[in-house]
PDB file of N, CA and C in Angstrom:
ATOM      1  N   UNK A   1      94.028 -52.182 -28.617  1.00  0.00           N
ATOM      2  CA  UNK A   1      92.802 -51.614 -28.104  1.00  0.00           C
ATOM      3  C   UNK A   1      93.070 -50.201 -27.612  1.00  0.00           C
ATOM      4  N   UNK A   2      92.182 -49.310 -27.991  1.00  0.00           N
ATOM      5  CA  UNK A   2      92.322 -47.917 -27.567  1.00  0.00           C
ATOM      6  C   UNK A   2      91.179 -47.581 -26.616  1.00  0.00           C
ATOM      7  N   UNK A   3      91.487 -47.164 -25.386  1.00  0.00           N
ATOM      8  CA  UNK A   3      90.413 -46.787 -24.464  1.00  0.00           C
ATOM      9  C   UNK A   3      89.792 -45.453 -24.858  1.00  0.00           C
ATOM     10  N   UNK A   4      88.487 -45.347 -24.626  1.00  0.00           N
ATOM     11  CA  UNK A   4      87.737 -44.117 -24.865  1.00  0.00           C
ATOM     12  C   UNK A   4      87.228 -43.641 -23.510  1.00  0.00           C
ATOM     13  N   UNK A   5      87.359 -42.349 -23.270  1.00  0.00           N
ATOM     14  CA  UNK A   5      86.963 -41.769 -21.991  1.00  0.00           C
ATOM     15  C   UNK A   5      85.894 -40.709 -22.216  1.00  0.00           C
ATOM     16  N   UNK A   6      85.085 -40.481 -21.191  1.00  0.00           N
ATOM     17  CA  UNK A   6      84.170 -39.343 -21.235  1.00  0.00           C
ATOM     18  C   UNK A   6      84.945 -38.110 -20.771  1.00  0.00           C
ATOM     19  N   UNK A   7      84.359 -36.954 -20.922  1.00  0.00           N
ATOM     20  CA  UNK A   7      85.033 -35.709 -20.573  1.00  0.00           C
ATOM     21  C   UNK A   7      85.432 -35.664 -19.102  1.00  0.00           C
ATOM     22  N   UNK A   8      84.658 -36.325 -18.234  1.00  0.00           N
ATOM     23  CA  UNK A   8      84.999 -36.310 -16.806  1.00  0.00           C
ATOM     24  C   UNK A   8      86.079 -37.324 -16.449  1.00  0.00           C
ATOM     25  N   UNK A   9      86.622 -38.055 -17.437  1.00  0.00           N
ATOM     26  CA  UNK A   9      87.729 -38.974 -17.205  1.00  0.00           C
ATOM     27  C   UNK A   9      87.345 -40.416 -16.974  1.00  0.00           C
ATOM     28  N   UNK A  10      86.051 -40.724 -17.048  1.00  0.00           N
ATOM     29  CA  UNK A  10      85.600 -42.104 -16.842  1.00  0.00           C
ATOM     30  C   UNK A  10      85.870 -42.939 -18.092  1.00  0.00           C
ATOM     31  N   UNK A  11      86.401 -44.144 -17.905  1.00  0.00           N
ATOM     32  CA  UNK A  11      86.616 -45.073 -19.017  1.00  0.00           C
ATOM     33  C   UNK A  11      85.254 -45.614 -19.428  1.00  0.00           C
ATOM     34  N   UNK A  12      84.863 -45.411 -20.695  1.00  0.00           N
ATOM     35  CA  UNK A  12      83.517 -45.772 -21.132  1.00  0.00           C
ATOM     36  C   UNK A  12      83.479 -46.771 -22.278  1.00  0.00           C
ATOM     37  N   UNK A  13      84.556 -46.912 -23.038  1.00  0.00           N
ATOM     38  CA  UNK A  13      84.516 -47.793 -24.206  1.00  0.00           C
ATOM     39  C   UNK A  13      85.931 -48.120 -24.675  1.00  0.00           C
ATOM     40  N   UNK A  14      85.984 -49.016 -25.653  1.00  0.00           N
ATOM     41  CA  UNK A  14      87.243 -49.410 -26.290  1.00  0.00           C
ATOM     42  C   UNK A  14      87.047 -49.434 -27.791  1.00  0.00           C
ATOM     43  N   UNK A  15      88.099 -49.103 -28.521  1.00  0.00           N
ATOM     44  CA  UNK A  15      88.080 -49.260 -29.973  1.00  0.00           C
ATOM     45  C   UNK A  15      89.086 -50.336 -30.323  1.00  0.00           C
ATOM     46  N   UNK A  16      88.619 -51.290 -31.122  1.00  0.00           N
ATOM     47  CA  UNK A  16      89.500 -52.361 -31.577  1.00  0.00           C
ATOM     48  C   UNK A  16      89.116 -52.725 -33.002  1.00  0.00           C
ATOM     49  N   UNK A  17      90.075 -52.600 -33.906  1.00  0.00           N
ATOM     50  CA  UNK A  17      89.901 -52.969 -35.310  1.00  0.00           C
ATOM     51  C   UNK A  17      88.647 -52.348 -35.926  1.00  0.00           C
ATOM     52  N   UNK A  18      88.423 -51.068 -35.648  1.00  0.00           N
ATOM     53  CA  UNK A  18      87.310 -50.350 -36.254  1.00  0.00           C
ATOM     54  C   UNK A  18      85.961 -50.598 -35.611  1.00  0.00           C
ATOM     55  N   UNK A  19      85.940 -51.283 -34.471  1.00  0.00           N
ATOM     56  CA  UNK A  19      84.688 -51.545 -33.761  1.00  0.00           C
ATOM     57  C   UNK A  19      84.751 -50.914 -32.380  1.00  0.00           C
ATOM     58  N   UNK A  20      83.588 -50.507 -31.881  1.00  0.00           N
ATOM     59  CA  UNK A  20      83.475 -49.887 -30.568  1.00  0.00           C
ATOM     60  C   UNK A  20      82.838 -50.887 -29.607  1.00  0.00           C
ATOM     61  N   UNK A  21      83.463 -51.084 -28.456  1.00  0.00           N
ATOM     62  CA  UNK A  21      82.982 -52.023 -27.443  1.00  0.00           C
ATOM     63  C   UNK A  21      82.787 -51.291 -26.126  1.00  0.00           C
ATOM     64  N   UNK A  22      81.826 -51.756 -25.321  1.00  0.00           N
ATOM     65  CA  UNK A  22      81.685 -51.182 -23.988  1.00  0.00           C
ATOM     66  C   UNK A  22      82.728 -51.798 -23.063  1.00  0.00           C
ATOM     67  N   UNK A  23      82.734 -51.411 -21.811  1.00  0.00           N
ATOM     68  CA  UNK A  23      83.770 -51.872 -20.883  1.00  0.00           C
ATOM     69  C   UNK A  23      83.598 -53.332 -20.476  1.00  0.00           C
ATOM     70  N   UNK A  24      82.467 -53.946 -20.843  1.00  0.00           N
ATOM     71  CA  UNK A  24      82.267 -55.380 -20.587  1.00  0.00           C
ATOM     72  C   UNK A  24      82.700 -56.235 -21.771  1.00  0.00           C
ATOM     73  N   UNK A  25      83.022 -55.591 -22.893  1.00  0.00           N
ATOM     74  CA  UNK A  25      83.450 -56.315 -24.086  1.00  0.00           C
ATOM     75  C   UNK A  25      82.353 -56.551 -25.099  1.00  0.00           C
ATOM     76  N   UNK A  26      81.165 -55.971 -24.886  1.00  0.00           N
ATOM     77  CA  UNK A  26      80.057 -56.113 -25.834  1.00  0.00           C
ATOM     78  C   UNK A  26      80.193 -55.080 -26.946  1.00  0.00           C
ATOM     79  N   UNK A  27      79.882 -55.501 -28.168  1.00  0.00           N
ATOM     80  CA  UNK A  27      79.961 -54.621 -29.334  1.00  0.00           C
ATOM     81  C   UNK A  27      78.835 -53.602 -29.271  1.00  0.00           C
ATOM     82  N   UNK A  28      79.166 -52.317 -29.386  1.00  0.00           N
ATOM     83  CA  UNK A  28      78.141 -51.276 -29.326  1.00  0.00           C
ATOM     84  C   UNK A  28      78.127 -50.370 -30.551  1.00  0.00           C
ATOM     85  N   UNK A  29      79.080 -50.538 -31.463  1.00  0.00           N
ATOM     86  CA  UNK A  29      79.090 -49.695 -32.648  1.00  0.00           C
ATOM     87  C   UNK A  29      80.337 -49.907 -33.479  1.00  0.00           C
ATOM     88  N   UNK A  30      80.461 -49.111 -34.530  1.00  0.00           N
ATOM     89  CA  UNK A  30      81.629 -49.218 -35.394  1.00  0.00           C
ATOM     90  C   UNK A  30      82.012 -47.845 -35.925  1.00  0.00           C
ATOM     91  N   UNK A  31      83.216 -47.780 -36.469  1.00  0.00           N
ATOM     92  CA  UNK A  31      83.744 -46.537 -37.021  1.00  0.00           C
ATOM     93  C   UNK A  31      83.777 -46.602 -38.540  1.00  0.00           C
ATOM     94  N   UNK A  32      83.474 -45.487 -39.167  1.00  0.00           N
ATOM     95  CA  UNK A  32      83.702 -45.275 -40.600  1.00  0.00           C
ATOM     96  C   UNK A  32      84.504 -43.989 -40.677  1.00  0.00           C
ATOM     97  N   UNK A  33      85.794 -44.120 -40.850  1.00  0.00           N
ATOM     98  CA  UNK A  33      86.674 -42.955 -40.741  1.00  0.00           C
ATOM     99  C   UNK A  33      86.679 -42.518 -39.288  1.00  0.00           C
ATOM    100  N   UNK A  34      86.259 -41.287 -39.020  1.00  0.00           N
ATOM    101  CA  UNK A  34      86.138 -40.815 -37.629  1.00  0.00           C
ATOM    102  C   UNK A  34      84.686 -40.839 -37.153  1.00  0.00           C
ATOM    103  N   UNK A  35      83.749 -41.128 -38.059  1.00  0.00           N
ATOM    104  CA  UNK A  35      82.334 -41.189 -37.693  1.00  0.00           C
ATOM    105  C   UNK A  35      82.019 -42.493 -36.973  1.00  0.00           C
ATOM    106  N   UNK A  36      81.160 -42.407 -35.969  1.00  0.00           N
ATOM    107  CA  UNK A  36      80.796 -43.579 -35.173  1.00  0.00           C
ATOM    108  C   UNK A  36      79.305 -43.832 -35.315  1.00  0.00           C
ATOM    109  N   UNK A  37      78.974 -45.111 -35.551  1.00  0.00           N
ATOM    110  CA  UNK A  37      77.592 -45.544 -35.708  1.00  0.00           C
ATOM    111  C   UNK A  37      77.247 -46.581 -34.651  1.00  0.00           C
ATOM    112  N   UNK A  38      75.980 -46.595 -34.224  1.00  0.00           N
ATOM    113  CA  UNK A  38      75.517 -47.577 -33.245  1.00  0.00           C
ATOM    114  C   UNK A  38      75.281 -48.910 -33.938  1.00  0.00           C
ATOM    115  N   UNK A  39      74.975 -49.949 -33.146  1.00  0.00           N
ATOM    116  CA  UNK A  39      74.674 -51.272 -33.716  1.00  0.00           C
ATOM    117  C   UNK A  39      73.484 -51.221 -34.655  1.00  0.00           C
ATOM    118  N   UNK A  40      72.598 -50.261 -34.438  1.00  0.00           N
ATOM    119  CA  UNK A  40      71.418 -50.123 -35.284  1.00  0.00           C
ATOM    120  C   UNK A  40      71.691 -49.320 -36.547  1.00  0.00           C
ATOM    121  N   UNK A  41      72.910 -48.826 -36.726  1.00  0.00           N
ATOM    122  CA  UNK A  41      73.268 -48.071 -37.915  1.00  0.00           C
ATOM    123  C   UNK A  41      73.004 -46.583 -37.823  1.00  0.00           C
ATOM    124  N   UNK A  42      72.650 -46.094 -36.648  1.00  0.00           N
ATOM    125  CA  UNK A  42      72.400 -44.664 -36.480  1.00  0.00           C
ATOM    126  C   UNK A  42      73.703 -43.930 -36.173  1.00  0.00           C
ATOM    127  N   UNK A  43      73.832 -42.744 -36.728  1.00  0.00           N
ATOM    128  CA  UNK A  43      75.003 -41.916 -36.467  1.00  0.00           C
ATOM    129  C   UNK A  43      74.989 -41.489 -35.002  1.00  0.00           C
ATOM    130  N   UNK A  44      76.104 -41.725 -34.297  1.00  0.00           N
ATOM    131  CA  UNK A  44      76.192 -41.370 -32.877  1.00  0.00           C
ATOM    132  C   UNK A  44      77.066 -40.148 -32.652  1.00  0.00           C
ATOM    133  N   UNK A  45      78.070 -39.950 -33.489  1.00  0.00           N
ATOM    134  CA  UNK A  45      78.987 -38.841 -33.304  1.00  0.00           C
ATOM    135  C   UNK A  45      80.290 -39.114 -34.019  1.00  0.00           C
ATOM    136  N   UNK A  46      81.331 -38.438 -33.581  1.00  0.00           N
ATOM    137  CA  UNK A  46      82.636 -38.631 -34.208  1.00  0.00           C
ATOM    138  C   UNK A  46      83.699 -38.781 -33.132  1.00  0.00           C
ATOM    139  N   UNK A  47      84.774 -39.447 -33.502  1.00  0.00           N
ATOM    140  CA  UNK A  47      85.901 -39.636 -32.597  1.00  0.00           C
ATOM    141  C   UNK A  47      86.770 -38.389 -32.675  1.00  0.00           C
ATOM    142  N   UNK A  48      86.870 -37.683 -31.566  1.00  0.00           N
ATOM    143  CA  UNK A  48      87.676 -36.460 -31.559  1.00  0.00           C
ATOM    144  C   UNK A  48      89.155 -36.827 -31.532  1.00  0.00           C
ATOM    145  N   UNK A  49      89.992 -35.853 -31.791  1.00  0.00           N
ATOM    146  CA  UNK A  49      91.435 -36.101 -31.817  1.00  0.00           C
ATOM    147  C   UNK A  49      91.981 -36.469 -30.438  1.00  0.00           C
ATOM    148  N   UNK A  50      91.280 -36.072 -29.383  1.00  0.00           N
ATOM    149  CA  UNK A  50      91.748 -36.423 -28.039  1.00  0.00           C
ATOM    150  C   UNK A  50      91.123 -37.712 -27.503  1.00  0.00           C
ATOM    151  N   UNK A  51      90.322 -38.406 -28.333  1.00  0.00           N
ATOM    152  CA  UNK A  51      89.818 -39.719 -27.951  1.00  0.00           C
ATOM    153  C   UNK A  51      88.454 -39.741 -27.288  1.00  0.00           C
ATOM    154  N   UNK A  52      87.686 -38.678 -27.399  1.00  0.00           N
ATOM    155  CA  UNK A  52      86.311 -38.679 -26.888  1.00  0.00           C
ATOM    156  C   UNK A  52      85.356 -38.865 -28.056  1.00  0.00           C
ATOM    157  N   UNK A  53      84.139 -39.294 -27.752  1.00  0.00           N
ATOM    158  CA  UNK A  53      83.111 -39.389 -28.785  1.00  0.00           C
ATOM    159  C   UNK A  53      82.179 -38.200 -28.590  1.00  0.00           C
ATOM    160  N   UNK A  54      82.173 -37.329 -29.578  1.00  0.00           N
ATOM    161  CA  UNK A  54      81.413 -36.087 -29.517  1.00  0.00           C
ATOM    162  C   UNK A  54      80.401 -36.031 -30.648  1.00  0.00           C
ATOM    163  N   UNK A  55      79.372 -35.209 -30.466  1.00  0.00           N
ATOM    164  CA  UNK A  55      78.479 -34.894 -31.580  1.00  0.00           C
ATOM    165  C   UNK A  55      78.085 -33.433 -31.475  1.00  0.00           C
ATOM    166  N   UNK A  56      77.601 -32.914 -32.583  1.00  0.00           N
ATOM    167  CA  UNK A  56      77.197 -31.513 -32.610  1.00  0.00           C
ATOM    168  C   UNK A  56      75.891 -31.355 -31.849  1.00  0.00           C
ATOM    169  N   UNK A  57      75.788 -30.277 -31.103  1.00  0.00           N
ATOM    170  CA  UNK A  57      74.586 -30.021 -30.304  1.00  0.00           C
ATOM    171  C   UNK A  57      73.349 -29.945 -31.204  1.00  0.00           C
ATOM    172  N   UNK A  58      73.469 -29.269 -32.316  1.00  0.00           N
ATOM    173  CA  UNK A  58      72.393 -29.208 -33.305  1.00  0.00           C
ATOM    174  C   UNK A  58      72.880 -30.014 -34.500  1.00  0.00           C
ATOM    175  N   UNK A  59      72.297 -31.213 -34.662  1.00  0.00           N
ATOM    176  CA  UNK A  59      72.788 -32.127 -35.700  1.00  0.00           C
ATOM    177  C   UNK A  59      71.834 -32.187 -36.880  1.00  0.00           C
ATOM    178  N   UNK A  60      72.412 -32.357 -38.030  1.00  0.00           N
ATOM    179  CA  UNK A  60      71.587 -32.636 -39.193  1.00  0.00           C
ATOM    180  C   UNK A  60      71.369 -34.145 -39.242  1.00  0.00           C
ATOM    181  N   UNK A  61      70.231 -34.538 -39.729  1.00  0.00           N
ATOM    182  CA  UNK A  61      69.898 -35.960 -39.793  1.00  0.00           C
ATOM    183  C   UNK A  61      70.776 -36.656 -40.825  1.00  0.00           C
ATOM    184  N   UNK A  62      71.301 -37.806 -40.466  1.00  0.00           N
ATOM    185  CA  UNK A  62      72.108 -38.602 -41.384  1.00  0.00           C
ATOM    186  C   UNK A  62      71.381 -39.906 -41.662  1.00  0.00           C
ATOM    187  N   UNK A  63      71.548 -40.433 -42.863  1.00  0.00           N
ATOM    188  CA  UNK A  63      70.864 -41.697 -43.168  1.00  0.00           C
ATOM    189  C   UNK A  63      71.425 -42.842 -42.327  1.00  0.00           C
ATOM    190  N   UNK A  64      70.558 -43.786 -42.017  1.00  0.00           N
ATOM    191  CA  UNK A  64      70.965 -44.977 -41.265  1.00  0.00           C
ATOM    192  C   UNK A  64      71.839 -45.844 -42.164  1.00  0.00           C
ATOM    193  N   UNK A  65      72.882 -46.432 -41.598  1.00  0.00           N
ATOM    194  CA  UNK A  65      73.810 -47.290 -42.350  1.00  0.00           C
ATOM    195  C   UNK A  65      73.514 -48.754 -42.065  1.00  0.00           C
ATOM    196  N   UNK A  66      73.730 -49.615 -43.045  1.00  0.00           N
ATOM    197  CA  UNK A  66      73.606 -51.045 -42.745  1.00  0.00           C
ATOM    198  C   UNK A  66      74.764 -51.465 -41.837  1.00  0.00           C
ATOM    199  N   UNK A  67      74.440 -52.212 -40.807  1.00  0.00           N
ATOM    200  CA  UNK A  67      75.467 -52.626 -39.841  1.00  0.00           C
ATOM    201  C   UNK A  67      76.343 -53.726 -40.421  1.00  0.00           C
ATOM    202  N   UNK A  68      77.622 -53.708 -40.093  1.00  0.00           N
ATOM    203  CA  UNK A  68      78.501 -54.802 -40.515  1.00  0.00           C
ATOM    204  C   UNK A  68      78.161 -56.056 -39.710  1.00  0.00           C
ATOM    205  N   UNK A  69      78.702 -57.204 -40.107  1.00  0.00           N
ATOM    206  CA  UNK A  69      78.465 -58.410 -39.308  1.00  0.00           C
ATOM    207  C   UNK A  69      78.938 -58.187 -37.866  1.00  0.00           C
ATOM    208  N   UNK A  70      78.180 -58.720 -36.932  1.00  0.00           N
ATOM    209  CA  UNK A  70      78.519 -58.551 -35.517  1.00  0.00           C
ATOM    210  C   UNK A  70      79.839 -59.237 -35.199  1.00  0.00           C
ATOM    211  N   UNK A  71      80.813 -58.482 -34.709  1.00  0.00           N
ATOM    212  CA  UNK A  71      82.094 -59.101 -34.346  1.00  0.00           C
ATOM    213  C   UNK A  71      81.946 -59.878 -33.036  1.00  0.00           C
ATOM    214  N   UNK A  72      82.878 -60.778 -32.765  1.00  0.00           N
ATOM    215  CA  UNK A  72      82.788 -61.522 -31.505  1.00  0.00           C
ATOM    216  C   UNK A  72      83.034 -60.607 -30.306  1.00  0.00           C
ATOM    217  N   UNK A  73      82.526 -61.032 -29.179  1.00  0.00           N
ATOM    218  CA  UNK A  73      82.746 -60.311 -27.920  1.00  0.00           C
ATOM    219  C   UNK A  73      84.245 -60.336 -27.616  1.00  0.00           C
ATOM    220  N   UNK A  74      84.744 -59.278 -27.015  1.00  0.00           N
ATOM    221  CA  UNK A  74      86.170 -59.235 -26.674  1.00  0.00           C
ATOM    222  C   UNK A  74      86.343 -59.332 -25.162  1.00  0.00           C
ATOM    223  N   UNK A  75      87.556 -59.604 -24.773  1.00  0.00           N
ATOM    224  CA  UNK A  75      87.911 -59.582 -23.349  1.00  0.00           C
ATOM    225  C   UNK A  75      88.605 -58.266 -23.066  1.00  0.00           C
ATOM    226  N   UNK A  76      87.912 -57.348 -22.413  1.00  0.00           N
ATOM    227  CA  UNK A  76      88.539 -56.050 -22.153  1.00  0.00           C
ATOM    228  C   UNK A  76      89.631 -56.174 -21.099  1.00  0.00           C
ATOM    229  N   UNK A  77      90.554 -55.238 -21.096  1.00  0.00           N
ATOM    230  CA  UNK A  77      91.601 -55.273 -20.070  1.00  0.00           C
ATOM    231  C   UNK A  77      90.999 -55.001 -18.689  1.00  0.00           C
ATOM    232  N   UNK A  78      91.662 -55.469 -17.672  1.00  0.00           N
ATOM    233  CA  UNK A  78      91.162 -55.247 -16.310  1.00  0.00           C
ATOM    234  C   UNK A  78      91.368 -53.799 -15.867  1.00  0.00           C
ATOM    235  N   UNK A  79      92.334 -53.137 -16.462  1.00  0.00           N
ATOM    236  CA  UNK A  79      92.553 -51.723 -16.155  1.00  0.00           C
ATOM    237  C   UNK A  79      93.116 -51.035 -17.391  1.00  0.00           C
ATOM    238  N   UNK A  80      92.901 -49.753 -17.445  1.00  0.00           N
ATOM    239  CA  UNK A  80      93.391 -48.944 -18.566  1.00  0.00           C
ATOM    240  C   UNK A  80      94.165 -47.760 -17.990  1.00  0.00           C
ATOM    241  N   UNK A  81      94.974 -47.101 -18.821  1.00  0.00           N
ATOM    242  CA  UNK A  81      95.697 -45.919 -18.323  1.00  0.00           C
ATOM    243  C   UNK A  81      94.727 -44.830 -17.867  1.00  0.00           C
ATOM    244  N   UNK A  82      95.198 -43.967 -17.010  1.00  0.00           N
ATOM    245  CA  UNK A  82      94.379 -42.837 -16.586  1.00  0.00           C
ATOM    246  C   UNK A  82      94.041 -41.967 -17.788  1.00  0.00           C
ATOM    247  N   UNK A  83      92.893 -41.349 -17.730  1.00  0.00           N
ATOM    248  CA  UNK A  83      92.459 -40.472 -18.820  1.00  0.00           C
ATOM    249  C   UNK A  83      93.354 -39.241 -18.890  1.00  0.00           C
ATOM    250  N   UNK A  84      93.584 -38.741 -20.104  1.00  0.00           N
ATOM    251  CA  UNK A  84      94.338 -37.489 -20.212  1.00  0.00           C
ATOM    252  C   UNK A  84      93.475 -36.326 -19.729  1.00  0.00           C
ATOM    253  N   UNK A  85      94.095 -35.198 -19.512  1.00  0.00           N
ATOM    254  CA  UNK A  85      93.327 -33.996 -19.195  1.00  0.00           C
ATOM    255  C   UNK A  85      92.779 -33.448 -20.502  1.00  0.00           C
ATOM    256  N   UNK A  86      91.477 -33.306 -20.564  1.00  0.00           N
ATOM    257  CA  UNK A  86      90.844 -32.854 -21.797  1.00  0.00           C
ATOM    258  C   UNK A  86      90.689 -31.340 -21.800  1.00  0.00           C
ATOM    259  N   UNK A  87      90.851 -30.765 -22.978  1.00  0.00           N
ATOM    260  CA  UNK A  87      90.626 -29.333 -23.148  1.00  0.00           C
ATOM    261  C   UNK A  87      89.125 -29.063 -23.124  1.00  0.00           C
ATOM    262  N   UNK A  88      88.768 -27.826 -22.850  1.00  0.00           N
ATOM    263  CA  UNK A  88      87.361 -27.441 -22.920  1.00  0.00           C
ATOM    264  C   UNK A  88      86.870 -27.670 -24.338  1.00  0.00           C
ATOM    265  N   UNK A  89      85.650 -28.144 -24.454  1.00  0.00           N
ATOM    266  CA  UNK A  89      85.103 -28.325 -25.795  1.00  0.00           C
ATOM    267  C   UNK A  89      84.241 -27.120 -26.152  1.00  0.00           C
ATOM    268  N   UNK A  90      84.150 -26.808 -27.435  1.00  0.00           N
ATOM    269  CA  UNK A  90      83.331 -25.667 -27.853  1.00  0.00           C
ATOM    270  C   UNK A  90      81.865 -25.882 -27.469  1.00  0.00           C
ATOM    271  N   UNK A  91      81.110 -24.804 -27.377  1.00  0.00           N
ATOM    272  CA  UNK A  91      79.709 -24.877 -26.955  1.00  0.00           C
ATOM    273  C   UNK A  91      78.871 -25.740 -27.882  1.00  0.00           C
ATOM    274  N   UNK A  92      79.270 -25.862 -29.154  1.00  0.00           N
ATOM    275  CA  UNK A  92      78.442 -26.587 -30.116  1.00  0.00           C
ATOM    276  C   UNK A  92      78.699 -28.092 -30.123  1.00  0.00           C
ATOM    277  N   UNK A  93      79.634 -28.582 -29.297  1.00  0.00           N
ATOM    278  CA  UNK A  93      79.920 -30.012 -29.239  1.00  0.00           C
ATOM    279  C   UNK A  93      79.518 -30.585 -27.886  1.00  0.00           C
ATOM    280  N   UNK A  94      79.004 -31.818 -27.915  1.00  0.00           N
ATOM    281  CA  UNK A  94      78.524 -32.497 -26.717  1.00  0.00           C
ATOM    282  C   UNK A  94      79.211 -33.851 -26.617  1.00  0.00           C
ATOM    283  N   UNK A  95      79.631 -34.232 -25.420  1.00  0.00           N
ATOM    284  CA  UNK A  95      80.200 -35.557 -25.171  1.00  0.00           C
ATOM    285  C   UNK A  95      79.048 -36.560 -25.134  1.00  0.00           C
ATOM    286  N   UNK A  96      79.050 -37.515 -26.050  1.00  0.00           N
ATOM    287  CA  UNK A  96      77.952 -38.478 -26.163  1.00  0.00           C
ATOM    288  C   UNK A  96      77.782 -39.277 -24.874  1.00  0.00           C
ATOM    289  N   UNK A  97      78.866 -39.729 -24.271  1.00  0.00           N
ATOM    290  CA  UNK A  97      78.755 -40.575 -23.082  1.00  0.00           C
ATOM    291  C   UNK A  97      78.339 -39.803 -21.831  1.00  0.00           C
ATOM    292  N   UNK A  98      78.430 -38.487 -21.851  1.00  0.00           N
ATOM    293  CA  UNK A  98      77.948 -37.704 -20.713  1.00  0.00           C
ATOM    294  C   UNK A  98      76.515 -37.237 -20.920  1.00  0.00           C
ATOM    295  N   UNK A  99      76.177 -36.828 -22.123  1.00  0.00           N
ATOM    296  CA  UNK A  99      74.861 -36.251 -22.382  1.00  0.00           C
ATOM    297  C   UNK A  99      73.816 -37.267 -22.834  1.00  0.00           C
ATOM    298  N   UNK A 100      74.235 -38.321 -23.534  1.00  0.00           N
ATOM    299  CA  UNK A 100      73.264 -39.277 -24.086  1.00  0.00           C
ATOM    300  C   UNK A 100      73.836 -40.688 -24.146  1.00  0.00           C
ATOM    301  N   UNK A 101      74.221 -41.276 -23.000  1.00  0.00           N
ATOM    302  CA  UNK A 101      74.821 -42.616 -23.034  1.00  0.00           C
ATOM    303  C   UNK A 101      73.868 -43.696 -23.533  1.00  0.00           C
ATOM    304  N   UNK A 102      72.557 -43.432 -23.483  1.00  0.00           N
ATOM    305  CA  UNK A 102      71.583 -44.423 -23.952  1.00  0.00           C
ATOM    306  C   UNK A 102      71.632 -44.631 -25.461  1.00  0.00           C
ATOM    307  N   UNK A 103      72.364 -43.799 -26.174  1.00  0.00           N
ATOM    308  CA  UNK A 103      72.500 -43.942 -27.626  1.00  0.00           C
ATOM    309  C   UNK A 103      73.023 -45.323 -27.997  1.00  0.00           C
ATOM    310  N   UNK A 104      73.890 -45.895 -27.180  1.00  0.00           N
ATOM    311  CA  UNK A 104      74.511 -47.166 -27.515  1.00  0.00           C
ATOM    312  C   UNK A 104      73.778 -48.381 -26.949  1.00  0.00           C
ATOM    313  N   UNK A 105      72.560 -48.206 -26.455  1.00  0.00           N
ATOM    314  CA  UNK A 105      71.793 -49.338 -25.934  1.00  0.00           C
ATOM    315  C   UNK A 105      70.772 -49.800 -26.965  1.00  0.00           C
ATOM    316  N   UNK A 106      70.453 -51.098 -26.918  1.00  0.00           N
ATOM    317  CA  UNK A 106      69.372 -51.623 -27.745  1.00  0.00           C
ATOM    318  C   UNK A 106      68.050 -51.057 -27.239  1.00  0.00           C
ATOM    319  N   UNK A 107      67.068 -50.984 -28.108  1.00  0.00           N
ATOM    320  CA  UNK A 107      65.746 -50.523 -27.687  1.00  0.00           C
ATOM    321  C   UNK A 107      65.229 -51.401 -26.553  1.00  0.00           C
ATOM    322  N   UNK A 108      65.468 -52.717 -26.642  1.00  0.00           N
ATOM    323  CA  UNK A 108      65.001 -53.623 -25.588  1.00  0.00           C
ATOM    324  C   UNK A 108      65.668 -53.317 -24.249  1.00  0.00           C
ATOM    325  N   UNK A 109      66.880 -52.777 -24.271  1.00  0.00           N
ATOM    326  CA  UNK A 109      67.551 -52.406 -23.026  1.00  0.00           C
ATOM    327  C   UNK A 109      66.944 -51.145 -22.416  1.00  0.00           C
ATOM    328  N   UNK A 110      66.287 -50.342 -23.234  1.00  0.00           N
ATOM    329  CA  UNK A 110      65.716 -49.092 -22.753  1.00  0.00           C
ATOM    330  C   UNK A 110      64.318 -49.270 -22.172  1.00  0.00           C
ATOM    331  N   UNK A 111      63.626 -50.351 -22.565  1.00  0.00           N
ATOM    332  CA  UNK A 111      62.274 -50.601 -22.067  1.00  0.00           C
ATOM    333  C   UNK A 111      62.322 -51.217 -20.674  1.00  0.00           C
ATOM    334  N   UNK A 112      61.374 -50.867 -19.817  1.00  0.00           N
ATOM    335  CA  UNK A 112      61.341 -51.529 -18.507  1.00  0.00           C
ATOM    336  C   UNK A 112      60.900 -52.983 -18.661  1.00  0.00           C
ATOM    337  N   UNK A 113      61.347 -53.823 -17.758  1.00  0.00           N
ATOM    338  CA  UNK A 113      60.925 -55.218 -17.766  1.00  0.00           C
ATOM    339  C   UNK A 113      59.453 -55.310 -17.382  1.00  0.00           C
ATOM    340  N   UNK A 114      58.811 -56.389 -17.805  1.00  0.00           N
ATOM    341  CA  UNK A 114      57.395 -56.595 -17.488  1.00  0.00           C
ATOM    342  C   UNK A 114      57.164 -56.682 -15.986  1.00  0.00           C
ATOM    343  N   UNK A 115      58.123 -57.235 -15.272  1.00  0.00           N
ATOM    344  CA  UNK A 115      57.943 -57.445 -13.842  1.00  0.00           C
ATOM    345  C   UNK A 115      58.009 -56.148 -13.045  1.00  0.00           C
ATOM    346  N   UNK A 116      58.614 -55.149 -13.598  1.00  0.00           N
ATOM    347  CA  UNK A 116      58.798 -53.901 -12.842  1.00  0.00           C
ATOM    348  C   UNK A 116      57.557 -53.055 -12.853  1.00  0.00           C
TER     349      UNK A 116
END
């Protein structure tokens, strides 16, 4: 398992066998090469060489991909190594987990509950 961190050093996800999981062990996406897609098949960004998930500030639209079969939930580790010190990123790249963490949520997770 490879931990993924946001630019500010927060542990935000794990990569295991080509799948992306949140810190609770729920599947939130998958990798195709260095490209990362959400559970819904939407392009989310790419895995940078330093282990962050980034996307271009001005993105071209990419076609939606069919999602692979849902992998089983994993048991994440109780702790991970400290995040490395990240270099400044160019102005045209954005850290997905800092600027748009809702990308990896289901639409139903984004809607308010009826009771609220």
